[in-house]
Amino acid sequence: MLRTVFVALALGVLLAQGSAVADQDIRAKRATIDCAKDPVVAITAGEGNYTVTGSCDKISINGGQNTVAIESVKKLGINGSGNKVKVTAAEKIGIVGSDNEVEWSKGPSGKKPTIGNVGNNNKVTQK
């Protein structure tokens, strides 16, 4: 029993340390985010307006009803619902939430980005 508790505590500490890497946790309703300063962004607020400049490694949009303009991202994850996202360049786009609109312009090396869409009623289009 004691060993099980210890293993659970150790695992919890490791997971907490790993989640602390979501470097820029944006909770404001309006922001311009520079990925040159920190390439990992998490937007957790809802009903906001965001502009993301520079080249990002990862952007997670967890809030809903946001409008987001992104210059460049390797991995874009949308977990919230009702977001409108315009991304100039993306390598991977993953959508879990519903009722999102994503417009992308280009993928890596002129190819289409990898797109995963498991949510409902999402629209993903090329600009």
N, C-alpha and C. Protein backbone atom coordinates (compact mmCIF):
# COMPACT_ATOMS: atom_id res chain seq x y z
N MET A 1 0.83 -1.19 0.00
CA MET A 1 0.00 0.00 0.00
C MET A 1 0.87 1.25 0.00
N LEU A 2 1.88 1.28 0.88
CA LEU A 2 2.76 2.44 0.96
C LEU A 2 3.53 2.63 -0.35
N ARG A 3 3.95 1.52 -0.95
CA ARG A 3 4.67 1.60 -2.22
C ARG A 3 3.77 2.17 -3.31
N THR A 4 2.52 1.78 -3.35
CA THR A 4 1.57 2.30 -4.34
C THR A 4 1.39 3.81 -4.19
N VAL A 5 1.29 4.27 -2.95
CA VAL A 5 1.15 5.70 -2.69
C VAL A 5 2.40 6.44 -3.15
N PHE A 6 3.58 5.88 -2.86
CA PHE A 6 4.83 6.52 -3.27
C PHE A 6 4.94 6.61 -4.79
N VAL A 7 4.62 5.53 -5.49
CA VAL A 7 4.67 5.54 -6.96
C VAL A 7 3.70 6.56 -7.51
N ALA A 8 2.50 6.64 -6.96
CA ALA A 8 1.51 7.62 -7.43
C ALA A 8 2.01 9.04 -7.20
N LEU A 9 2.62 9.31 -6.05
CA LEU A 9 3.16 10.64 -5.77
C LEU A 9 4.30 10.98 -6.72
N ALA A 10 5.19 10.04 -6.95
CA ALA A 10 6.33 10.27 -7.85
C ALA A 10 5.84 10.55 -9.27
N LEU A 11 4.85 9.80 -9.72
CA LEU A 11 4.29 10.02 -11.05
C LEU A 11 3.63 11.39 -11.13
N GLY A 12 2.93 11.78 -10.08
CA GLY A 12 2.30 13.10 -10.05
C GLY A 12 3.32 14.22 -10.15
N VAL A 13 4.45 14.08 -9.47
CA VAL A 13 5.51 15.09 -9.53
C VAL A 13 6.08 15.16 -10.94
N LEU A 14 6.33 14.02 -11.57
CA LEU A 14 6.86 14.01 -12.94
C LEU A 14 5.89 14.66 -13.92
N LEU A 15 4.61 14.35 -13.80
CA LEU A 15 3.62 14.95 -14.69
C LEU A 15 3.52 16.45 -14.47
N ALA A 16 3.58 16.88 -13.23
CA ALA A 16 3.52 18.31 -12.94
C ALA A 16 4.72 19.03 -13.52
N GLN A 17 5.91 18.42 -13.43
CA GLN A 17 7.10 19.04 -14.01
C GLN A 17 6.98 19.12 -15.52
N GLY A 18 6.46 18.08 -16.14
CA GLY A 18 6.29 18.07 -17.59
C GLY A 18 5.28 19.10 -18.06
N SER A 19 4.22 19.32 -17.31
CA SER A 19 3.21 20.28 -17.72
C SER A 19 3.66 21.71 -17.50
N ALA A 20 4.67 21.92 -16.67
CA ALA A 20 5.17 23.26 -16.44
C ALA A 20 5.90 23.80 -17.66
N VAL A 21 6.11 22.95 -18.68
CA VAL A 21 6.81 23.37 -19.88
C VAL A 21 5.90 24.18 -20.80
N ALA A 22 4.60 24.18 -20.60
CA ALA A 22 3.70 25.01 -21.41
C ALA A 22 3.99 26.45 -21.04
N ASP A 23 5.03 26.98 -21.68
CA ASP A 23 5.72 28.17 -21.23
C ASP A 23 4.86 29.43 -21.16
N GLN A 24 4.26 29.85 -22.23
CA GLN A 24 3.44 31.06 -22.20
C GLN A 24 1.98 30.64 -22.02
N ASP A 25 1.45 30.80 -20.84
CA ASP A 25 0.05 30.48 -20.57
C ASP A 25 -0.73 31.80 -20.62
N ILE A 26 -1.46 31.99 -21.71
CA ILE A 26 -2.13 33.26 -21.97
C ILE A 26 -3.56 33.20 -21.43
N ARG A 27 -3.85 34.10 -20.48
CA ARG A 27 -5.18 34.17 -19.88
C ARG A 27 -5.86 35.51 -20.13
N ALA A 28 -5.13 36.47 -20.70
CA ALA A 28 -5.69 37.78 -21.00
C ALA A 28 -6.70 37.66 -22.15
N LYS A 29 -7.57 38.63 -22.28
CA LYS A 29 -8.58 38.62 -23.34
C LYS A 29 -8.04 39.11 -24.68
N ARG A 30 -6.92 39.81 -24.66
CA ARG A 30 -6.32 40.34 -25.89
C ARG A 30 -4.81 40.35 -25.67
N ALA A 31 -4.06 39.81 -26.65
CA ALA A 31 -2.60 39.81 -26.50
C ALA A 31 -1.92 39.60 -27.85
N THR A 32 -0.73 40.18 -27.96
CA THR A 32 0.18 39.87 -29.05
C THR A 32 1.29 39.04 -28.43
N ILE A 33 1.49 37.84 -28.97
CA ILE A 33 2.41 36.87 -28.38
C ILE A 33 3.59 36.69 -29.33
N ASP A 34 4.81 36.80 -28.81
CA ASP A 34 6.02 36.67 -29.63
C ASP A 34 6.69 35.34 -29.34
N CYS A 35 6.68 34.44 -30.32
CA CYS A 35 7.28 33.12 -30.13
C CYS A 35 8.80 33.16 -30.17
N ALA A 36 9.38 34.28 -30.59
CA ALA A 36 10.84 34.41 -30.52
C ALA A 36 11.29 34.41 -29.06
N LYS A 37 10.44 34.91 -28.17
CA LYS A 37 10.74 34.93 -26.73
C LYS A 37 10.54 33.57 -26.10
N ASP A 38 9.51 32.85 -26.54
CA ASP A 38 9.18 31.55 -25.99
C ASP A 38 8.32 30.81 -27.01
N PRO A 39 8.80 29.70 -27.57
CA PRO A 39 8.10 29.05 -28.69
C PRO A 39 6.93 28.14 -28.33
N VAL A 40 6.56 28.03 -27.06
CA VAL A 40 5.44 27.17 -26.64
C VAL A 40 4.38 28.06 -26.00
N VAL A 41 3.16 28.00 -26.56
CA VAL A 41 2.08 28.89 -26.12
C VAL A 41 0.83 28.08 -25.81
N ALA A 42 0.16 28.43 -24.72
CA ALA A 42 -1.14 27.84 -24.39
C ALA A 42 -2.12 28.99 -24.14
N ILE A 43 -3.17 29.04 -24.94
CA ILE A 43 -4.22 30.04 -24.77
C ILE A 43 -5.35 29.37 -24.01
N THR A 44 -5.52 29.78 -22.75
CA THR A 44 -6.50 29.13 -21.90
C THR A 44 -7.74 29.98 -21.67
N ALA A 45 -7.69 31.23 -22.08
CA ALA A 45 -8.84 32.13 -21.91
C ALA A 45 -9.87 31.88 -23.02
N GLY A 46 -11.05 32.41 -22.83
CA GLY A 46 -12.10 32.34 -23.83
C GLY A 46 -12.52 33.74 -24.25
N GLU A 47 -13.11 33.82 -25.44
CA GLU A 47 -13.64 35.07 -25.97
C GLU A 47 -12.56 36.14 -26.10
N GLY A 48 -11.36 35.72 -26.52
CA GLY A 48 -10.25 36.65 -26.67
C GLY A 48 -9.85 36.85 -28.12
N ASN A 49 -8.91 37.78 -28.32
CA ASN A 49 -8.39 38.10 -29.63
C ASN A 49 -6.86 38.10 -29.52
N TYR A 50 -6.20 37.23 -30.31
CA TYR A 50 -4.76 37.03 -30.15
C TYR A 50 -4.05 37.06 -31.50
N THR A 51 -2.85 37.64 -31.49
CA THR A 51 -1.96 37.62 -32.64
C THR A 51 -0.66 36.97 -32.18
N VAL A 52 -0.23 35.93 -32.90
CA VAL A 52 0.98 35.21 -32.52
C VAL A 52 2.01 35.42 -33.63
N THR A 53 3.14 36.04 -33.28
CA THR A 53 4.18 36.34 -34.26
C THR A 53 5.37 35.41 -34.08
N GLY A 54 6.19 35.33 -35.12
CA GLY A 54 7.38 34.50 -35.07
C GLY A 54 7.07 33.05 -35.35
N SER A 55 8.06 32.21 -35.16
CA SER A 55 7.94 30.78 -35.41
C SER A 55 7.77 30.04 -34.08
N CYS A 56 6.61 29.40 -33.91
CA CYS A 56 6.29 28.69 -32.67
C CYS A 56 6.52 27.19 -32.84
N ASP A 57 6.93 26.54 -31.77
CA ASP A 57 7.03 25.08 -31.78
C ASP A 57 5.65 24.47 -31.58
N LYS A 58 4.89 25.02 -30.61
CA LYS A 58 3.59 24.43 -30.27
C LYS A 58 2.65 25.51 -29.75
N ILE A 59 1.43 25.48 -30.24
CA ILE A 59 0.37 26.36 -29.73
C ILE A 59 -0.82 25.48 -29.38
N SER A 60 -1.33 25.63 -28.16
CA SER A 60 -2.54 24.94 -27.73
C SER A 60 -3.61 25.99 -27.46
N ILE A 61 -4.76 25.83 -28.10
CA ILE A 61 -5.88 26.72 -27.85
C ILE A 61 -6.92 25.92 -27.07
N ASN A 62 -6.99 26.19 -25.78
CA ASN A 62 -7.85 25.42 -24.89
C ASN A 62 -9.15 26.15 -24.58
N GLY A 63 -9.17 27.44 -24.72
CA GLY A 63 -10.37 28.22 -24.48
C GLY A 63 -11.29 28.18 -25.69
N GLY A 64 -12.46 28.80 -25.56
CA GLY A 64 -13.44 28.81 -26.64
C GLY A 64 -13.77 30.22 -27.09
N GLN A 65 -14.33 30.32 -28.29
CA GLN A 65 -14.79 31.60 -28.84
C GLN A 65 -13.66 32.62 -29.00
N ASN A 66 -12.46 32.14 -29.34
CA ASN A 66 -11.32 33.03 -29.55
C ASN A 66 -11.11 33.29 -31.04
N THR A 67 -10.49 34.42 -31.35
CA THR A 67 -10.02 34.73 -32.69
C THR A 67 -8.51 34.80 -32.60
N VAL A 68 -7.83 33.96 -33.40
CA VAL A 68 -6.38 33.84 -33.29
C VAL A 68 -5.74 33.92 -34.68
N ALA A 69 -4.74 34.79 -34.83
CA ALA A 69 -3.95 34.89 -36.06
C ALA A 69 -2.54 34.43 -35.73
N ILE A 70 -2.05 33.43 -36.49
CA ILE A 70 -0.75 32.82 -36.20
C ILE A 70 0.15 32.95 -37.42
N GLU A 71 1.38 33.40 -37.19
CA GLU A 71 2.34 33.53 -38.29
C GLU A 71 2.87 32.16 -38.72
N SER A 72 3.43 31.39 -37.78
CA SER A 72 4.03 30.10 -38.11
C SER A 72 4.05 29.20 -36.87
N VAL A 73 3.68 27.92 -37.07
CA VAL A 73 3.66 26.98 -35.96
C VAL A 73 3.95 25.57 -36.47
N LYS A 74 4.71 24.81 -35.68
CA LYS A 74 4.96 23.41 -36.03
C LYS A 74 3.74 22.56 -35.68
N LYS A 75 3.25 22.69 -34.45
CA LYS A 75 2.10 21.89 -33.99
C LYS A 75 1.04 22.81 -33.40
N LEU A 76 -0.13 22.80 -34.00
CA LEU A 76 -1.27 23.57 -33.50
C LEU A 76 -2.31 22.60 -32.99
N GLY A 77 -2.69 22.75 -31.72
CA GLY A 77 -3.73 21.90 -31.13
C GLY A 77 -4.89 22.76 -30.66
N ILE A 78 -6.09 22.42 -31.11
CA ILE A 78 -7.28 23.16 -30.71
C ILE A 78 -8.19 22.23 -29.93
N ASN A 79 -8.30 22.49 -28.64
CA ASN A 79 -9.11 21.67 -27.75
C ASN A 79 -10.44 22.34 -27.41
N GLY A 80 -10.49 23.66 -27.52
CA GLY A 80 -11.69 24.41 -27.21
C GLY A 80 -12.68 24.37 -28.37
N SER A 81 -13.78 25.10 -28.21
CA SER A 81 -14.83 25.13 -29.22
C SER A 81 -15.14 26.55 -29.66
N GLY A 82 -15.58 26.68 -30.91
CA GLY A 82 -16.01 27.97 -31.42
C GLY A 82 -14.88 28.95 -31.71
N ASN A 83 -13.68 28.45 -31.93
CA ASN A 83 -12.54 29.32 -32.22
C ASN A 83 -12.42 29.58 -33.72
N LYS A 84 -11.91 30.76 -34.07
CA LYS A 84 -11.62 31.12 -35.46
C LYS A 84 -10.12 31.38 -35.54
N VAL A 85 -9.43 30.52 -36.29
CA VAL A 85 -7.97 30.56 -36.33
C VAL A 85 -7.51 30.72 -37.77
N LYS A 86 -6.64 31.71 -37.99
CA LYS A 86 -5.99 31.89 -39.30
C LYS A 86 -4.50 31.69 -39.08
N VAL A 87 -3.94 30.72 -39.79
CA VAL A 87 -2.52 30.42 -39.63
C VAL A 87 -1.84 30.48 -40.99
N THR A 88 -0.77 31.27 -41.06
CA THR A 88 -0.06 31.42 -42.32
C THR A 88 0.69 30.15 -42.68
N ALA A 89 1.44 29.57 -41.73
CA ALA A 89 2.21 28.35 -41.99
C ALA A 89 2.09 27.40 -40.81
N ALA A 90 1.79 26.14 -41.12
CA ALA A 90 1.66 25.11 -40.08
C ALA A 90 2.16 23.77 -40.61
N GLU A 91 2.80 23.00 -39.72
CA GLU A 91 3.20 21.64 -40.09
C GLU A 91 2.11 20.63 -39.72
N LYS A 92 1.54 20.77 -38.51
CA LYS A 92 0.51 19.86 -38.03
C LYS A 92 -0.61 20.65 -37.37
N ILE A 93 -1.84 20.27 -37.67
CA ILE A 93 -3.02 20.88 -37.06
C ILE A 93 -3.88 19.75 -36.50
N GLY A 94 -4.17 19.82 -35.21
CA GLY A 94 -5.01 18.81 -34.57
C GLY A 94 -6.18 19.49 -33.87
N ILE A 95 -7.40 18.99 -34.15
CA ILE A 95 -8.59 19.59 -33.57
C ILE A 95 -9.38 18.53 -32.82
N VAL A 96 -9.61 18.78 -31.54
CA VAL A 96 -10.40 17.90 -30.70
C VAL A 96 -11.75 18.55 -30.39
N GLY A 97 -11.74 19.87 -30.24
CA GLY A 97 -12.96 20.60 -29.92
C GLY A 97 -13.94 20.62 -31.10
N SER A 98 -15.05 21.33 -30.93
CA SER A 98 -16.07 21.38 -31.98
C SER A 98 -16.37 22.81 -32.39
N ASP A 99 -16.99 22.94 -33.56
CA ASP A 99 -17.43 24.23 -34.09
C ASP A 99 -16.28 25.23 -34.26
N ASN A 100 -15.11 24.74 -34.64
CA ASN A 100 -13.95 25.59 -34.88
C ASN A 100 -13.78 25.83 -36.37
N GLU A 101 -13.23 27.00 -36.72
CA GLU A 101 -12.90 27.32 -38.11
C GLU A 101 -11.41 27.59 -38.18
N VAL A 102 -10.71 26.82 -39.02
CA VAL A 102 -9.27 26.99 -39.18
C VAL A 102 -8.99 27.24 -40.65
N GLU A 103 -8.27 28.32 -40.91
CA GLU A 103 -7.86 28.65 -42.27
C GLU A 103 -6.34 28.68 -42.29
N TRP A 104 -5.74 27.87 -43.18
CA TRP A 104 -4.28 27.82 -43.27
C TRP A 104 -3.86 28.20 -44.69
N SER A 105 -2.62 28.73 -44.80
CA SER A 105 -2.12 29.15 -46.11
C SER A 105 -1.13 28.17 -46.70
N LYS A 106 -0.18 27.70 -45.89
CA LYS A 106 0.81 26.77 -46.43
C LYS A 106 1.31 25.82 -45.35
N GLY A 107 1.81 24.68 -45.82
CA GLY A 107 2.39 23.69 -44.95
C GLY A 107 3.90 23.68 -45.13
N PRO A 108 4.57 22.65 -44.60
CA PRO A 108 6.02 22.58 -44.72
C PRO A 108 6.46 22.28 -46.15
N SER A 109 7.45 22.99 -46.63
CA SER A 109 8.03 22.78 -47.97
C SER A 109 6.98 22.78 -49.07
N GLY A 110 5.98 23.64 -48.95
CA GLY A 110 4.95 23.74 -49.98
C GLY A 110 3.90 22.64 -49.96
N LYS A 111 3.98 21.73 -49.02
CA LYS A 111 3.00 20.64 -48.90
C LYS A 111 1.86 21.06 -47.99
N LYS A 112 0.81 20.27 -48.00
CA LYS A 112 -0.31 20.46 -47.08
C LYS A 112 0.11 20.03 -45.67
N PRO A 113 -0.30 20.77 -44.63
CA PRO A 113 0.03 20.32 -43.27
C PRO A 113 -0.71 19.03 -42.94
N THR A 114 -0.19 18.29 -41.98
CA THR A 114 -0.89 17.11 -41.47
C THR A 114 -2.05 17.61 -40.64
N ILE A 115 -3.26 17.13 -40.94
CA ILE A 115 -4.46 17.61 -40.24
C ILE A 115 -5.19 16.44 -39.60
N GLY A 116 -5.44 16.55 -38.31
CA GLY A 116 -6.24 15.58 -37.58
C GLY A 116 -7.46 16.29 -37.00
N ASN A 117 -8.63 15.79 -37.32
CA ASN A 117 -9.86 16.46 -36.90
C ASN A 117 -10.82 15.42 -36.32
N VAL A 118 -10.81 15.28 -35.02
CA VAL A 118 -11.70 14.31 -34.37
C VAL A 118 -12.89 14.99 -33.72
N GLY A 119 -12.91 16.31 -33.72
CA GLY A 119 -14.03 17.04 -33.14
C GLY A 119 -15.22 17.08 -34.09
N ASN A 120 -16.29 17.69 -33.69
CA ASN A 120 -17.51 17.77 -34.50
C ASN A 120 -17.68 19.16 -35.10
N ASN A 121 -18.19 19.18 -36.33
CA ASN A 121 -18.60 20.42 -36.98
C ASN A 121 -17.47 21.44 -37.11
N ASN A 122 -16.25 20.98 -37.40
CA ASN A 122 -15.11 21.86 -37.61
C ASN A 122 -14.91 22.10 -39.11
N LYS A 123 -14.42 23.27 -39.46
CA LYS A 123 -14.11 23.60 -40.85
C LYS A 123 -12.63 23.91 -40.94
N VAL A 124 -11.93 23.18 -41.82
CA VAL A 124 -10.51 23.41 -42.04
C VAL A 124 -10.32 23.65 -43.52
N THR A 125 -9.85 24.86 -43.88
CA THR A 125 -9.72 25.22 -45.29
C THR A 125 -8.40 25.88 -45.56
N GLN A 126 -7.99 25.79 -46.83
CA GLN A 126 -6.77 26.48 -47.26
C GLN A 126 -7.15 27.83 -47.82
N LYS A 127 -6.40 28.84 -47.44
CA LYS A 127 -6.64 30.20 -47.89
C LYS A 127 -6.06 30.41 -49.26
